[in-house]
């Protein structure tokens, strides 16, 4: 999975991140539900792979959300400073 292009915390960056996630799983859409399947085996290679990808998705999502919220926070502060 390649890094999503950076658009400086904009909403575009969030869309880029989602596009990367869906591009990565497009070739095996049938596998997408397995990432959040509560019936996965408790141990083993499958569980390890799922945990790896869950972690990667969570990291990407958290980074994208943090950048977006930072951007929104700066924009809101700028608007408050100008009285808009």
C-alpha atoms as a PDB file:
ATOM      1  CA  UNK A   1       0.000   0.000   0.000  1.00  0.00           C
ATOM      2  CA  UNK A   2       1.553   3.285  -1.023  1.00  0.00           C
ATOM      3  CA  UNK A   3       1.272   6.427   1.019  1.00  0.00           C
ATOM      4  CA  UNK A   4      -1.604   8.675   0.066  1.00  0.00           C
ATOM      5  CA  UNK A   5      -0.513  11.873  -1.653  1.00  0.00           C
ATOM      6  CA  UNK A   6      -0.265  14.669   0.886  1.00  0.00           C
ATOM      7  CA  UNK A   7      -2.540  17.639   0.437  1.00  0.00           C
ATOM      8  CA  UNK A   8      -1.609  19.226   3.751  1.00  0.00           C
ATOM      9  CA  UNK A   9      -4.450  17.974   5.945  1.00  0.00           C
ATOM     10  CA  UNK A  10      -7.159  19.060   3.550  1.00  0.00           C
ATOM     11  CA  UNK A  11     -10.353  17.179   2.934  1.00  0.00           C
ATOM     12  CA  UNK A  12      -8.617  16.139  -0.277  1.00  0.00           C
ATOM     13  CA  UNK A  13      -6.052  14.277   1.802  1.00  0.00           C
ATOM     14  CA  UNK A  14      -8.802  12.344   3.557  1.00  0.00           C
ATOM     15  CA  UNK A  15     -10.273  11.417   0.178  1.00  0.00           C
ATOM     16  CA  UNK A  16      -6.808  10.423  -1.083  1.00  0.00           C
ATOM     17  CA  UNK A  17      -6.370   8.160   1.946  1.00  0.00           C
ATOM     18  CA  UNK A  18      -9.703   6.444   1.361  1.00  0.00           C
ATOM     19  CA  UNK A  19      -8.915   6.077  -2.336  1.00  0.00           C
ATOM     20  CA  UNK A  20      -5.654   4.325  -1.455  1.00  0.00           C
ATOM     21  CA  UNK A  21      -7.414   1.970   0.940  1.00  0.00           C
ATOM     22  CA  UNK A  22     -10.046   0.998  -1.602  1.00  0.00           C
ATOM     23  CA  UNK A  23      -7.485   0.691  -4.400  1.00  0.00           C
ATOM     24  CA  UNK A  24      -5.527  -1.728  -2.223  1.00  0.00           C
ATOM     25  CA  UNK A  25      -8.516  -4.019  -1.669  1.00  0.00           C
ATOM     26  CA  UNK A  26     -10.217  -3.595  -5.034  1.00  0.00           C
ATOM     27  CA  UNK A  27      -8.637  -6.718  -6.512  1.00  0.00           C
ATOM     28  CA  UNK A  28      -9.983  -8.836  -3.647  1.00  0.00           C
ATOM     29  CA  UNK A  29     -13.212  -7.214  -2.538  1.00  0.00           C
ATOM     30  CA  UNK A  30     -14.406 -10.528  -1.142  1.00  0.00           C
ATOM     31  CA  UNK A  31     -11.671 -10.258   1.521  1.00  0.00           C
ATOM     32  CA  UNK A  32     -12.729  -6.845   2.847  1.00  0.00           C
ATOM     33  CA  UNK A  33     -15.296  -8.217   5.367  1.00  0.00           C
ATOM     34  CA  UNK A  34     -12.648 -10.546   6.787  1.00  0.00           C
ATOM     35  CA  UNK A  35     -10.799  -7.557   8.231  1.00  0.00           C
ATOM     36  CA  UNK A  36     -13.638  -6.978  10.672  1.00  0.00           C
ATOM     37  CA  UNK A  37     -15.056 -10.491  10.958  1.00  0.00           C
ATOM     38  CA  UNK A  38     -15.548 -11.348  14.654  1.00  0.00           C
ATOM     39  CA  UNK A  39     -15.369 -15.070  13.807  1.00  0.00           C
ATOM     40  CA  UNK A  40     -11.675 -15.032  12.867  1.00  0.00           C
ATOM     41  CA  UNK A  41      -9.561 -17.713  14.499  1.00  0.00           C
ATOM     42  CA  UNK A  42      -8.045 -16.535  17.804  1.00  0.00           C
ATOM     43  CA  UNK A  43      -4.488 -17.409  16.724  1.00  0.00           C
ATOM     44  CA  UNK A  44      -2.597 -18.270  13.569  1.00  0.00           C
ATOM     45  CA  UNK A  45      -1.399 -16.875  10.280  1.00  0.00           C
ATOM     46  CA  UNK A  46      -4.810 -15.547   9.230  1.00  0.00           C
ATOM     47  CA  UNK A  47      -5.312 -13.708  12.526  1.00  0.00           C
ATOM     48  CA  UNK A  48      -1.772 -12.269  12.299  1.00  0.00           C
ATOM     49  CA  UNK A  49      -2.368 -10.988   8.748  1.00  0.00           C
ATOM     50  CA  UNK A  50      -5.717  -9.464   9.692  1.00  0.00           C
ATOM     51  CA  UNK A  51      -4.203  -7.751  12.739  1.00  0.00           C
ATOM     52  CA  UNK A  52      -1.423  -6.341  10.562  1.00  0.00           C
ATOM     53  CA  UNK A  53      -3.879  -4.854   8.064  1.00  0.00           C
ATOM     54  CA  UNK A  54      -6.249  -3.623  10.765  1.00  0.00           C
ATOM     55  CA  UNK A  55      -3.312  -1.807  12.336  1.00  0.00           C
ATOM     56  CA  UNK A  56      -2.268  -0.276   9.024  1.00  0.00           C
ATOM     57  CA  UNK A  57      -5.795   0.891   8.270  1.00  0.00           C
ATOM     58  CA  UNK A  58      -6.174   2.337  11.767  1.00  0.00           C
ATOM     59  CA  UNK A  59      -2.856   4.173  11.453  1.00  0.00           C
ATOM     60  CA  UNK A  60      -3.783   5.611   8.066  1.00  0.00           C
ATOM     61  CA  UNK A  61      -7.212   6.628   9.290  1.00  0.00           C
ATOM     62  CA  UNK A  62      -5.874   8.247  12.446  1.00  0.00           C
ATOM     63  CA  UNK A  63      -3.205  10.174  10.535  1.00  0.00           C
ATOM     64  CA  UNK A  64      -5.712  11.389   7.950  1.00  0.00           C
ATOM     65  CA  UNK A  65      -8.247  12.381  10.600  1.00  0.00           C
ATOM     66  CA  UNK A  66      -5.601  14.193  12.679  1.00  0.00           C
ATOM     67  CA  UNK A  67      -4.400  16.149   9.673  1.00  0.00           C
ATOM     68  CA  UNK A  68      -7.945  17.051   8.680  1.00  0.00           C
ATOM     69  CA  UNK A  69      -8.845  18.172  12.216  1.00  0.00           C
ATOM     70  CA  UNK A  70      -5.653  20.208  12.449  1.00  0.00           C
ATOM     71  CA  UNK A  71      -6.501  21.904   9.149  1.00  0.00           C
ATOM     72  CA  UNK A  72     -10.069  22.590  10.268  1.00  0.00           C
ATOM     73  CA  UNK A  73      -8.809  23.929  13.616  1.00  0.00           C
ATOM     74  CA  UNK A  74      -6.402  26.330  11.905  1.00  0.00           C
ATOM     75  CA  UNK A  75      -9.104  27.470   9.503  1.00  0.00           C
ATOM     76  CA  UNK A  76     -11.545  28.030  12.381  1.00  0.00           C
ATOM     77  CA  UNK A  77      -8.932  29.998  14.361  1.00  0.00           C
ATOM     78  CA  UNK A  78      -8.184  32.136  11.315  1.00  0.00           C
ATOM     79  CA  UNK A  79     -11.884  32.855  10.792  1.00  0.00           C
ATOM     80  CA  UNK A  80     -12.334  33.765  14.461  1.00  0.00           C
ATOM     81  CA  UNK A  81      -9.303  36.064  14.299  1.00  0.00           C
ATOM     82  CA  UNK A  82     -10.760  37.939  11.330  1.00  0.00           C
ATOM     83  CA  UNK A  83     -14.252  38.047  12.838  1.00  0.00           C
ATOM     84  CA  UNK A  84     -15.855  35.987  10.072  1.00  0.00           C
END
